[in-house]
Amino acid sequence: MIQRRLLFPILAAALAVAPAAFAETSPKAGAKAQAAKTEPVKAESGTYAIDPDHTQVGFVVSHMGFSEFRGRFGDVSGTLQLDAVNPAKSSFDIKLPTASVNTPVDKLTTELTAADWLDAKAHPEILFKSQKVTVTGPRQAKVTGELTLHGVTKAVTLDARLHGAGVNPLNKKVTVGFDLTGTIKRSEFGVTKYVPLISDEVGLEISAAFEKQN
């Protein structure tokens, strides 16, 4: 099983020239807080790398039809080649260590890395590589790419939305952020345990921040 609405944190297109300003609140001497804003900045073309501390890759499945159960992956890495003038020429990749899977239940977290689930020993990495970006709105795009999971590679299409673009007021790095969502059938990747008690359909949810490289 894997993720929902993945994102695996990642791209877009939509980013077009949509500018976005960030507001950050910083403490002032005493008990006062003062808001500091960056100047509006358009998304800049260039090479970006994922900010792993501010990128989340999650998944959601139905548990016997009674509830939705969520988990996530850590140690996310990846790159983005952003063409702000022609977003359709942009591309990105996202990598996840399979063993980084995490859920609120320790026993389940351990089970998910085992051979009859994700088999982290045999398949240590999960990878999504975009192949086509289709702009569908000023901040939206469809991203089709190849997802490699459990040793199987299949085409997957994600919905991408530009979350924001600008200069991070703390580290001064040009940053763009995207939300990516989609669904996969885990059985198509050879992860079939407890289907259909645990849903075959897995929702992917990715919120990715990319920082421009100098």
Protein backbone atom coordinates (compact mmCIF):
# COMPACT_ATOMS: atom_id res chain seq x y z
CA MET A 1 0.00 0.00 0.00
CA ILE A 2 1.02 3.54 -0.41
CA GLN A 3 -0.25 7.02 -0.56
CA ARG A 4 -2.96 9.34 -1.49
CA ARG A 5 -3.76 12.68 -3.03
CA LEU A 6 1.45 11.62 -3.25
CA LEU A 7 2.72 14.84 -2.57
CA PHE A 8 5.05 11.99 -3.47
CA PRO A 9 6.45 16.78 -3.13
CA ILE A 10 5.64 17.37 -6.52
CA LEU A 11 5.24 19.43 -9.25
CA ALA A 12 3.61 21.26 -11.24
CA ALA A 13 3.01 23.10 -13.89
CA ALA A 14 0.42 25.23 -12.68
CA LEU A 15 3.05 27.21 -11.12
CA ALA A 16 3.01 29.29 -14.14
CA VAL A 17 3.76 32.78 -13.22
CA ALA A 18 1.51 32.68 -10.23
CA PRO A 19 3.14 34.83 -7.55
CA ALA A 20 2.67 34.21 -3.88
CA ALA A 21 3.82 36.08 -0.83
CA PHE A 22 4.63 34.39 2.44
CA ALA A 23 3.85 35.86 5.82
CA GLU A 24 5.88 34.81 8.84
CA THR A 25 5.39 35.84 12.43
CA SER A 26 8.54 36.41 14.46
CA PRO A 27 8.82 37.23 18.16
CA LYS A 28 9.91 40.72 19.18
CA ALA A 29 11.65 41.61 22.47
CA GLY A 30 9.10 41.26 25.23
CA ALA A 31 5.82 39.50 24.53
CA LYS A 32 5.06 41.15 21.21
CA ALA A 33 4.97 39.41 17.83
CA GLN A 34 5.50 41.17 14.57
CA ALA A 35 4.56 39.92 11.09
CA ALA A 36 7.28 39.99 8.48
CA LYS A 37 6.32 39.66 4.84
CA THR A 38 8.37 38.91 1.80
CA GLU A 39 7.93 40.80 -1.40
CA PRO A 40 5.71 39.00 -3.93
CA VAL A 41 7.93 36.84 -6.13
CA LYS A 42 7.06 34.99 -9.30
CA ALA A 43 8.01 31.35 -9.62
CA GLU A 44 11.55 31.24 -10.99
CA SER A 45 12.84 28.81 -13.58
CA GLY A 46 15.74 26.63 -12.52
CA THR A 47 16.82 23.54 -10.64
CA TYR A 48 15.20 22.85 -7.29
CA ALA A 49 15.67 20.20 -4.60
CA ILE A 50 13.08 18.91 -2.17
CA ASP A 51 13.14 20.38 1.30
CA PRO A 52 12.73 17.09 3.25
CA ASP A 53 11.86 18.84 6.50
CA HIS A 54 8.80 20.48 4.96
CA THR A 55 7.63 17.79 2.54
CA GLN A 56 5.07 15.15 3.47
CA VAL A 57 4.13 12.05 1.51
CA GLY A 58 1.08 10.24 2.83
CA PHE A 59 -1.33 7.46 1.95
CA VAL A 60 -4.86 6.52 2.98
CA VAL A 61 -6.76 3.24 2.75
CA SER A 62 -10.19 2.06 3.82
CA HIS A 63 -10.12 -0.27 6.82
CA MET A 64 -12.91 -2.80 6.27
CA GLY A 65 -15.20 0.01 5.20
CA PHE A 66 -15.41 1.28 8.77
CA SER A 67 -12.75 3.99 8.75
CA GLU A 68 -9.97 5.58 6.78
CA PHE A 69 -6.46 4.74 7.93
CA ARG A 70 -3.50 6.98 7.16
CA GLY A 71 0.25 6.61 7.10
CA ARG A 72 3.23 8.42 5.67
CA PHE A 73 6.82 8.17 4.51
CA GLY A 74 9.87 10.12 5.66
CA ASP A 75 13.32 11.05 4.37
CA VAL A 76 11.85 12.31 1.09
CA SER A 77 14.26 13.45 -1.63
CA GLY A 78 13.92 14.61 -5.19
CA THR A 79 14.54 17.32 -7.75
CA LEU A 80 12.48 19.70 -9.84
CA GLN A 81 13.41 21.26 -13.17
CA LEU A 82 11.07 24.20 -13.32
CA ASP A 83 10.25 26.11 -16.50
CA ALA A 84 8.19 29.05 -15.28
CA VAL A 85 7.65 30.37 -18.82
CA ASN A 86 6.39 27.04 -20.18
CA PRO A 87 5.35 24.89 -17.19
CA ALA A 88 4.55 21.95 -19.46
CA LYS A 89 8.31 21.55 -19.95
CA SER A 90 8.88 21.15 -16.22
CA SER A 91 9.74 17.80 -14.67
CA PHE A 92 10.41 16.33 -11.24
CA ASP A 93 11.15 13.15 -9.35
CA ILE A 94 10.43 12.02 -5.81
CA LYS A 95 12.21 9.26 -3.91
CA LEU A 96 11.12 7.54 -0.71
CA PRO A 97 12.97 4.93 1.34
CA THR A 98 10.46 2.08 1.67
CA ALA A 99 11.60 1.43 5.24
CA SER A 100 10.60 4.98 6.21
CA VAL A 101 6.90 4.03 6.19
CA ASN A 102 5.23 5.09 9.42
CA THR A 103 1.77 4.67 10.97
CA PRO A 104 0.27 5.40 14.40
CA VAL A 105 0.45 1.66 15.19
CA ASP A 106 3.97 0.34 15.81
CA LYS A 107 3.06 -3.27 14.99
CA LEU A 108 1.54 -2.26 11.66
CA THR A 109 4.52 -0.06 10.79
CA THR A 110 6.81 -3.07 11.26
CA GLU A 111 4.50 -5.34 9.23
CA LEU A 112 4.39 -2.94 6.29
CA THR A 113 8.13 -3.30 5.71
CA ALA A 114 7.88 -7.13 5.63
CA ALA A 115 7.98 -9.35 2.55
CA ASP A 116 4.21 -9.84 2.30
CA TRP A 117 3.63 -6.09 2.22
CA LEU A 118 6.11 -3.52 0.84
CA ASP A 119 9.15 -5.78 1.25
CA ALA A 120 11.59 -3.00 2.09
CA LYS A 121 14.57 -5.37 2.00
CA ALA A 122 14.01 -6.44 -1.62
CA HIS A 123 12.61 -3.09 -2.76
CA PRO A 124 14.30 -0.37 -0.70
CA GLU A 125 13.08 2.61 -2.74
CA ILE A 126 9.81 4.02 -4.04
CA LEU A 127 10.19 6.40 -6.97
CA PHE A 128 7.93 8.69 -8.98
CA LYS A 129 9.31 10.31 -12.14
CA SER A 130 7.15 12.74 -14.08
CA GLN A 131 6.95 12.33 -17.84
CA LYS A 132 4.24 14.75 -18.90
CA VAL A 133 2.78 17.92 -17.41
CA THR A 134 -0.54 19.20 -18.72
CA VAL A 135 -1.56 22.63 -17.45
CA THR A 136 -5.27 22.72 -16.64
CA GLY A 137 -5.57 26.11 -14.91
CA PRO A 138 -3.57 29.04 -13.54
CA ARG A 139 -2.45 26.92 -10.56
CA GLN A 140 -3.46 23.40 -11.62
CA ALA A 141 -1.97 20.66 -13.77
CA LYS A 142 -2.18 16.94 -14.48
CA VAL A 143 1.15 15.19 -14.03
CA THR A 144 1.63 11.76 -15.59
CA GLY A 145 4.68 9.76 -14.68
CA GLU A 146 6.05 6.38 -13.70
CA LEU A 147 5.62 5.09 -10.17
CA THR A 148 7.95 2.30 -9.12
CA LEU A 149 6.65 0.46 -6.08
CA HIS A 150 7.35 -3.06 -4.81
CA GLY A 151 9.53 -3.65 -7.87
CA VAL A 152 6.73 -2.81 -10.31
CA THR A 153 6.66 0.29 -12.52
CA LYS A 154 3.36 1.64 -13.81
CA ALA A 155 2.01 4.90 -15.22
CA VAL A 156 0.20 7.09 -12.67
CA THR A 157 -1.49 10.46 -13.11
CA LEU A 158 -1.55 12.95 -10.23
CA ASP A 159 -3.46 16.19 -9.79
CA ALA A 160 -1.03 19.01 -9.04
CA ARG A 161 -1.78 22.39 -7.49
CA LEU A 162 0.65 25.22 -6.95
CA HIS A 163 0.51 26.02 -3.25
CA GLY A 164 2.84 28.98 -3.26
CA ALA A 165 6.05 30.52 -4.56
CA GLY A 166 8.38 33.09 -3.08
CA VAL A 167 11.40 33.67 -0.89
CA ASN A 168 11.49 31.80 2.41
CA PRO A 169 11.76 34.62 4.98
CA LEU A 170 13.94 32.51 7.27
CA ASN A 171 16.60 31.00 5.02
CA LYS A 172 16.11 33.43 2.10
CA LYS A 173 15.85 30.59 -0.41
CA VAL A 174 13.52 30.82 -3.41
CA THR A 175 10.90 28.16 -2.73
CA VAL A 176 7.92 26.66 -4.58
CA GLY A 177 5.37 24.33 -3.05
CA PHE A 178 2.95 21.89 -4.66
CA ASP A 179 0.12 19.68 -3.48
CA LEU A 180 -0.22 16.39 -5.37
CA THR A 181 -3.07 13.92 -5.06
CA GLY A 182 -4.07 10.70 -6.79
CA THR A 183 -5.05 7.07 -6.34
CA ILE A 184 -3.50 3.73 -7.21
CA LYS A 185 -4.53 0.09 -6.88
CA ARG A 186 -1.94 -1.63 -4.75
CA SER A 187 -2.74 -5.03 -6.27
CA GLU A 188 -1.36 -3.73 -9.58
CA PHE A 189 1.98 -3.37 -7.82
CA GLY A 190 1.83 -6.84 -6.27
CA VAL A 191 0.76 -5.69 -2.79
CA THR A 192 -2.34 -7.82 -2.30
CA LYS A 193 -2.48 -8.76 1.39
CA TYR A 194 -5.98 -8.46 2.94
CA VAL A 195 -7.61 -7.16 -0.24
CA PRO A 196 -10.51 -6.29 -0.08
CA LEU A 197 -10.73 -6.06 3.73
CA ILE A 198 -8.07 -3.40 3.46
CA SER A 199 -8.94 -1.48 0.32
CA ASP A 200 -7.13 -2.14 -2.92
CA GLU A 201 -7.46 1.54 -3.73
CA VAL A 202 -4.86 3.70 -2.02
CA GLY A 203 -5.09 7.46 -1.92
CA LEU A 204 -1.88 9.43 -2.32
CA GLU A 205 -1.35 12.82 -0.66
CA ILE A 206 1.82 14.83 -1.22
CA SER A 207 2.68 18.29 -0.02
CA ALA A 208 6.10 19.13 -1.42
CA ALA A 209 8.39 22.11 -0.94
CA PHE A 210 11.27 22.66 -3.37
CA GLU A 211 14.18 25.02 -2.83
CA LYS A 212 16.09 26.63 -5.69
CA GLN A 213 19.70 25.54 -5.96
CA ASN A 214 22.43 28.12 -6.52
